[in-house]
């Protein structure tokens, strides 16, 4: 691992406040319905758990794991399903919960695959969005924060499997500008 430091980008309080607002918006948008949250592991787990607590509707959850990073800081563009869903999506109002939308490659592939499973509706919710990195267009219905093109950790996001447990979003700053 390269020598680096982590600088706070978004405080725990800012993140908590924004998740509460997204939960309230989902509650309003899906009033009278149930929502089925699909968490993209591992990074999305912290965000989805906090979000689910703030949605005032019947909420069910499922998890899937896809990989396009490996141990690097940039997406490889190769998408691999590591763990598929346990439950069918047929007829459910599904919200895919992701930690970060970067190039859009992984999520574009994932959303197309999930549409084929015939949910009643399918939308995307992300804690962080890096629109300037977008290579493939994806429709993000709920966004926590738009951030610049920096490498971030915390609140479920990792650098080579560390820093997920930080209660804030931090920017990884590499020494000597190495990335």
Protein backbone atom coordinates (compact mmCIF):
# COMPACT_ATOMS: atom_id res chain seq x y z
CA UNK A 1 0.00 0.00 0.00
CA UNK A 2 1.29 3.45 -0.90
CA UNK A 3 2.10 5.93 1.85
CA UNK A 4 -0.93 8.17 2.37
CA UNK A 5 -3.07 10.10 4.81
CA UNK A 6 -6.84 10.51 5.12
CA UNK A 7 -8.36 14.01 5.31
CA UNK A 8 -11.98 14.58 6.29
CA UNK A 9 -14.11 15.57 3.28
CA UNK A 10 -17.62 15.19 4.76
CA UNK A 11 -18.20 15.07 8.52
CA UNK A 12 -20.21 12.40 10.30
CA UNK A 13 -22.86 15.05 11.06
CA UNK A 14 -23.15 16.11 7.39
CA UNK A 15 -23.50 12.50 6.26
CA UNK A 16 -26.08 11.69 8.94
CA UNK A 17 -28.17 14.77 8.09
CA UNK A 18 -28.17 13.97 4.37
CA UNK A 19 -29.15 10.32 4.89
CA UNK A 20 -32.08 11.48 7.02
CA UNK A 21 -33.19 13.79 4.18
CA UNK A 22 -32.95 10.99 1.60
CA UNK A 23 -34.95 8.67 3.87
CA UNK A 24 -37.66 11.32 4.18
CA UNK A 25 -37.75 11.79 0.39
CA UNK A 26 -38.06 8.04 -0.25
CA UNK A 27 -40.84 7.85 2.37
CA UNK A 28 -42.69 10.61 0.52
CA UNK A 29 -42.04 9.21 -2.98
CA UNK A 30 -43.21 5.68 -2.08
CA UNK A 31 -46.04 6.63 0.29
CA UNK A 32 -48.45 3.72 0.75
CA UNK A 33 -46.00 1.20 -0.72
CA UNK A 34 -43.24 -1.07 0.50
CA UNK A 35 -39.68 -0.68 -0.75
CA UNK A 36 -37.12 -3.40 -1.36
CA UNK A 37 -33.57 -2.16 -0.85
CA UNK A 38 -30.81 -3.96 -2.73
CA UNK A 39 -27.43 -3.26 -1.22
CA UNK A 40 -24.32 -3.48 -3.34
CA UNK A 41 -21.73 -4.99 -1.01
CA UNK A 42 -19.48 -4.29 0.68
CA UNK A 43 -19.36 -0.51 0.53
CA UNK A 44 -23.10 0.10 0.42
CA UNK A 45 -23.84 -1.78 3.65
CA UNK A 46 -23.16 1.09 6.06
CA UNK A 47 -25.23 3.51 3.98
CA UNK A 48 -28.13 1.09 3.44
CA UNK A 49 -28.47 0.23 7.13
CA UNK A 50 -28.57 3.90 8.11
CA UNK A 51 -30.93 4.74 5.25
CA UNK A 52 -33.34 1.90 6.08
CA UNK A 53 -33.72 3.23 9.64
CA UNK A 54 -34.84 6.57 8.21
CA UNK A 55 -37.48 5.27 5.77
CA UNK A 56 -40.92 5.30 7.37
CA UNK A 57 -42.40 2.48 5.24
CA UNK A 58 -42.22 -1.30 5.17
CA UNK A 59 -38.67 -2.05 4.07
CA UNK A 60 -37.22 -5.35 2.94
CA UNK A 61 -33.56 -5.83 2.08
CA UNK A 62 -31.32 -8.04 0.03
CA UNK A 63 -27.63 -7.99 -0.79
CA UNK A 64 -25.48 -8.59 -3.82
CA UNK A 65 -21.81 -8.24 -4.46
CA UNK A 66 -20.25 -7.14 -7.71
CA UNK A 67 -16.63 -6.34 -8.30
CA UNK A 68 -14.82 -4.08 -10.73
CA UNK A 69 -11.95 -2.73 -8.62
CA UNK A 70 -9.86 -5.50 -7.08
CA UNK A 71 -7.08 -3.91 -5.01
CA UNK A 72 -6.72 -0.84 -7.23
CA UNK A 73 -8.05 2.71 -6.83
CA UNK A 74 -9.69 2.81 -10.27
CA UNK A 75 -12.41 0.66 -11.83
CA UNK A 76 -11.11 -2.03 -14.14
CA UNK A 77 -14.30 -1.94 -16.23
CA UNK A 78 -14.67 -5.70 -15.84
CA UNK A 79 -17.80 -6.52 -13.81
CA UNK A 80 -18.05 -9.77 -11.90
CA UNK A 81 -21.07 -10.91 -9.82
CA UNK A 82 -19.62 -12.29 -6.61
CA UNK A 83 -22.94 -12.82 -4.74
CA UNK A 84 -26.37 -12.68 -6.34
CA UNK A 85 -29.68 -11.81 -4.66
CA UNK A 86 -31.46 -14.31 -2.43
CA UNK A 87 -35.01 -13.17 -3.33
CA UNK A 88 -36.83 -12.53 -6.62
CA UNK A 89 -37.56 -8.90 -7.57
CA UNK A 90 -40.77 -9.58 -9.51
CA UNK A 91 -43.35 -6.88 -8.77
CA UNK A 92 -41.31 -5.13 -6.08
CA UNK A 93 -40.43 -1.43 -5.85
CA UNK A 94 -36.67 -1.80 -5.81
CA UNK A 95 -34.08 0.78 -4.83
CA UNK A 96 -30.48 -0.19 -5.49
CA UNK A 97 -28.32 1.29 -2.73
CA UNK A 98 -24.71 2.00 -3.64
CA UNK A 99 -21.87 3.71 -1.82
CA UNK A 100 -20.51 5.60 -4.84
CA UNK A 101 -21.25 6.11 -8.53
CA UNK A 102 -18.04 6.63 -10.42
CA UNK A 103 -17.64 5.61 -14.08
CA UNK A 104 -21.16 4.14 -14.17
CA UNK A 105 -19.96 0.93 -15.85
CA UNK A 106 -20.72 -1.39 -12.97
CA UNK A 107 -24.10 0.14 -12.15
CA UNK A 108 -25.21 0.30 -15.78
CA UNK A 109 -24.55 -3.42 -16.11
CA UNK A 110 -26.19 -4.19 -12.78
CA UNK A 111 -29.34 -2.12 -13.44
CA UNK A 112 -29.85 -3.73 -16.86
CA UNK A 113 -29.54 -7.17 -15.27
CA UNK A 114 -32.01 -6.28 -12.50
CA UNK A 115 -34.57 -4.82 -14.97
CA UNK A 116 -34.77 -8.27 -16.56
CA UNK A 117 -36.05 -9.59 -13.23
CA UNK A 118 -39.26 -7.53 -13.69
CA UNK A 119 -39.50 -5.32 -10.60
CA UNK A 120 -42.51 -2.95 -10.43
CA UNK A 121 -39.98 -0.10 -10.33
CA UNK A 122 -36.23 0.20 -10.18
CA UNK A 123 -34.28 3.22 -9.01
CA UNK A 124 -30.78 4.02 -7.81
CA UNK A 125 -29.70 5.67 -4.58
CA UNK A 126 -26.07 6.52 -3.90
CA UNK A 127 -24.30 8.14 -1.00
CA UNK A 128 -21.66 9.69 -3.25
CA UNK A 129 -21.61 10.66 -6.92
CA UNK A 130 -18.59 11.60 -9.04
CA UNK A 131 -20.31 12.91 -12.19
CA UNK A 132 -17.07 14.09 -13.82
CA UNK A 133 -15.83 10.46 -13.89
CA UNK A 134 -18.93 9.17 -15.70
CA UNK A 135 -18.20 7.02 -18.76
CA UNK A 136 -21.64 5.35 -18.94
CA UNK A 137 -24.78 7.35 -18.17
CA UNK A 138 -26.83 6.06 -15.24
CA UNK A 139 -29.97 7.62 -13.80
CA UNK A 140 -29.35 8.34 -10.11
CA UNK A 141 -32.67 9.16 -8.42
CA UNK A 142 -31.29 9.83 -4.92
CA UNK A 143 -27.84 11.31 -4.33
CA UNK A 144 -26.26 12.05 -1.00
CA UNK A 145 -23.38 14.21 -2.18
CA UNK A 146 -21.71 15.10 -5.46
CA UNK A 147 -17.99 15.04 -4.89
CA UNK A 148 -14.91 15.92 -6.94
CA UNK A 149 -12.72 13.28 -8.57
CA UNK A 150 -10.77 12.28 -5.46
CA UNK A 151 -10.28 8.86 -3.90
CA UNK A 152 -12.54 8.57 -0.84
CA UNK A 153 -12.90 6.20 2.10
CA UNK A 154 -15.08 5.84 5.16
CA UNK A 155 -18.72 5.06 5.77
CA UNK A 156 -18.29 1.74 3.99
CA UNK A 157 -15.82 2.83 1.31
CA UNK A 158 -12.37 1.31 1.51
CA UNK A 159 -8.81 1.47 0.31
CA UNK A 160 -7.63 -2.12 -0.05
CA UNK A 161 -10.20 -3.24 2.59
CA UNK A 162 -9.32 -0.66 5.27
CA UNK A 163 -11.05 2.54 6.45
CA UNK A 164 -14.63 1.24 5.90
CA UNK A 165 -15.37 1.87 9.58
CA UNK A 166 -14.60 5.60 9.54
CA UNK A 167 -17.79 7.47 10.55
CA UNK A 168 -17.10 10.22 8.00
CA UNK A 169 -16.05 10.46 4.35
CA UNK A 170 -12.34 11.06 3.97
CA UNK A 171 -10.12 11.81 1.01
CA UNK A 172 -7.07 9.59 0.61
CA UNK A 173 -4.09 11.81 -0.12
CA UNK A 174 -1.10 9.90 -1.42
CA UNK A 175 2.41 11.08 -0.52
CA UNK A 176 4.50 12.26 -3.48
CA UNK A 177 1.33 12.36 -5.60
CA UNK A 178 1.59 8.62 -6.27
CA UNK A 179 -1.70 6.90 -7.13
